[in-house]
C-alpha cells in the first residue's frame, strides 16, 4: 500500500499569529481551521500553495511543549520549502520581513538559503537543480 506523510505537527505559541505568518507572510494556504470542543483546541492546517504535505499548527499545551517552540529539531533545519523559482520567492520573503539565518548559496544540488519562522524554527528555502524530487 502506498504511503505518504499527511501532516507534520509544528508546535506554536498562538494559532492566529502562526496563521498570519504562514498565510500572509509565506503565502501558504489555510486548509482548515476548526474548533475541536472535546479537546478545547483548534485543528489548524496550512500548506504551501500547490503542495501536498501540510503542516498542523499545534498550540503548545504544556510547559514542555512551550520549551520546544522554535527549537523542535535541536537547532538544525527542520523543514524544507522547495520552490520552482528561488529568487522570486527569496525576494518576496525578504520584502515581507522574513529573517534569513544564512544567505543564499549555490550548492551542487541547487540554490538554498536558511530562514527562520516567527518562532525561530529553521527552514531551507531550496530550488533543486539536480533532478531530485
Protein backbone atom coordinates (compact mmCIF):
# COMPACT_ATOMS: atom_id res chain seq x y z
CA UNK A 1 0.00 0.00 0.00
CA UNK A 2 1.39 3.44 -0.91
CA UNK A 3 2.08 5.74 2.00
CA UNK A 4 2.79 9.42 2.36
CA UNK A 5 3.18 11.98 5.11
CA UNK A 6 -0.18 13.72 5.51
CA UNK A 7 0.74 16.38 8.10
CA UNK A 8 3.76 17.49 10.08
CA UNK A 9 2.94 18.94 13.50
CA UNK A 10 4.66 22.21 14.31
CA UNK A 11 4.28 23.43 17.90
CA UNK A 12 3.34 27.13 18.00
CA UNK A 13 2.62 29.68 20.71
CA UNK A 14 -0.61 31.05 19.23
CA UNK A 15 -2.85 29.86 16.41
CA UNK A 16 -3.68 33.26 14.96
CA UNK A 17 -0.15 34.65 14.92
CA UNK A 18 1.07 31.41 13.31
CA UNK A 19 -1.67 31.55 10.68
CA UNK A 20 -0.75 35.18 9.94
CA UNK A 21 2.90 34.25 9.41
CA UNK A 22 2.37 31.15 7.30
CA UNK A 23 -0.52 32.50 5.23
CA UNK A 24 0.16 36.25 4.99
CA UNK A 25 3.96 36.23 5.07
CA UNK A 26 4.93 32.93 3.42
CA UNK A 27 1.90 32.73 1.14
CA UNK A 28 0.71 29.30 2.30
CA UNK A 29 -2.95 28.40 2.02
CA UNK A 30 -5.13 27.85 5.06
CA UNK A 31 -6.55 24.37 4.51
CA UNK A 32 -8.57 24.06 7.71
CA UNK A 33 -9.22 25.91 10.93
CA UNK A 34 -11.83 24.17 13.02
CA UNK A 35 -12.55 24.05 16.72
CA UNK A 36 -12.31 20.67 18.45
CA UNK A 37 -14.56 21.08 21.51
CA UNK A 38 -13.78 17.67 23.01
CA UNK A 39 -10.13 18.73 23.39
CA UNK A 40 -10.66 22.51 23.58
CA UNK A 41 -8.23 23.15 20.75
CA UNK A 42 -8.23 24.06 17.08
CA UNK A 43 -7.26 21.87 14.15
CA UNK A 44 -5.27 24.33 12.03
CA UNK A 45 -3.71 23.06 8.81
CA UNK A 46 -1.66 25.10 6.32
CA UNK A 47 0.36 24.11 3.28
CA UNK A 48 2.38 25.73 0.54
CA UNK A 49 0.24 26.58 -2.47
CA UNK A 50 0.34 23.62 -4.80
CA UNK A 51 1.88 21.40 -2.13
CA UNK A 52 0.64 18.07 -0.87
CA UNK A 53 2.16 17.73 2.59
CA UNK A 54 0.65 20.09 5.11
CA UNK A 55 1.61 21.48 8.48
CA UNK A 56 -0.60 21.10 11.52
CA UNK A 57 -0.12 24.22 13.64
CA UNK A 58 -0.39 22.77 17.13
CA UNK A 59 -0.63 25.25 20.00
CA UNK A 60 1.61 24.28 22.90
CA UNK A 61 -0.47 22.74 25.67
CA UNK A 62 2.15 22.25 28.37
CA UNK A 63 5.39 23.80 29.64
CA UNK A 64 7.40 21.02 27.95
CA UNK A 65 5.75 21.78 24.62
CA UNK A 66 6.29 25.52 25.12
CA UNK A 67 10.03 24.86 25.52
CA UNK A 68 10.08 23.21 22.08
CA UNK A 69 8.62 26.21 20.24
CA UNK A 70 11.23 27.38 17.74
CA UNK A 71 13.62 24.54 18.52
CA UNK A 72 11.82 21.36 17.56
CA UNK A 73 14.86 19.98 15.79
CA UNK A 74 17.59 20.91 18.26
CA UNK A 75 18.82 23.91 16.27
CA UNK A 76 19.01 22.11 12.91
CA UNK A 77 16.99 22.96 9.84
CA UNK A 78 13.61 21.35 10.48
CA UNK A 79 11.62 21.86 7.28
CA UNK A 80 12.48 22.30 3.62
CA UNK A 81 10.40 24.59 1.42
CA UNK A 82 11.00 23.60 -2.21
CA UNK A 83 10.40 26.24 -4.88
CA UNK A 84 10.48 26.35 -8.66
CA UNK A 85 11.91 29.90 -8.61
CA UNK A 86 14.31 30.53 -5.75
CA UNK A 87 14.99 34.21 -6.41
CA UNK A 88 11.31 35.12 -6.85
CA UNK A 89 10.42 33.55 -3.52
CA UNK A 90 13.55 34.75 -1.72
CA UNK A 91 12.91 38.37 -2.75
CA UNK A 92 9.22 38.13 -1.79
CA UNK A 93 10.11 36.72 1.62
CA UNK A 94 12.73 39.39 2.27
CA UNK A 95 10.21 42.08 1.26
CA UNK A 96 7.79 40.68 3.84
CA UNK A 97 10.39 40.76 6.59
CA UNK A 98 11.38 37.09 6.77
CA UNK A 99 14.68 36.76 8.65
CA UNK A 100 17.32 34.76 6.81
CA UNK A 101 19.75 32.93 9.05
CA UNK A 102 22.13 32.03 6.20
CA UNK A 103 22.31 33.85 2.87
CA UNK A 104 21.66 32.19 -0.48
CA UNK A 105 24.33 29.87 -1.82
CA UNK A 106 24.72 27.83 -4.96
CA UNK A 107 25.24 24.20 -3.93
CA UNK A 108 25.81 21.15 -6.12
CA UNK A 109 22.12 20.28 -5.74
CA UNK A 110 20.67 23.78 -6.27
CA UNK A 111 20.17 27.18 -4.65
CA UNK A 112 19.44 27.34 -0.91
CA UNK A 113 19.12 29.78 1.97
CA UNK A 114 18.11 29.19 5.58
CA UNK A 115 15.34 31.29 7.08
CA UNK A 116 13.61 31.46 10.44
CA UNK A 117 9.90 31.31 11.01
CA UNK A 118 8.26 33.63 13.51
CA UNK A 119 9.43 31.46 16.42
CA UNK A 120 12.97 30.79 15.21
CA UNK A 121 12.43 27.37 13.64
CA UNK A 122 14.95 26.95 10.84
CA UNK A 123 13.80 26.22 7.30
CA UNK A 124 15.61 25.76 3.99
CA UNK A 125 14.23 27.62 1.01
CA UNK A 126 15.58 25.46 -1.79
CA UNK A 127 15.36 25.13 -5.54
CA UNK A 128 16.77 21.78 -6.59
CA UNK A 129 18.55 21.80 -9.94
CA UNK A 130 19.99 18.29 -9.91
CA UNK A 131 16.74 16.46 -10.73
CA UNK A 132 15.93 15.26 -7.21
CA UNK A 133 12.35 15.22 -6.05
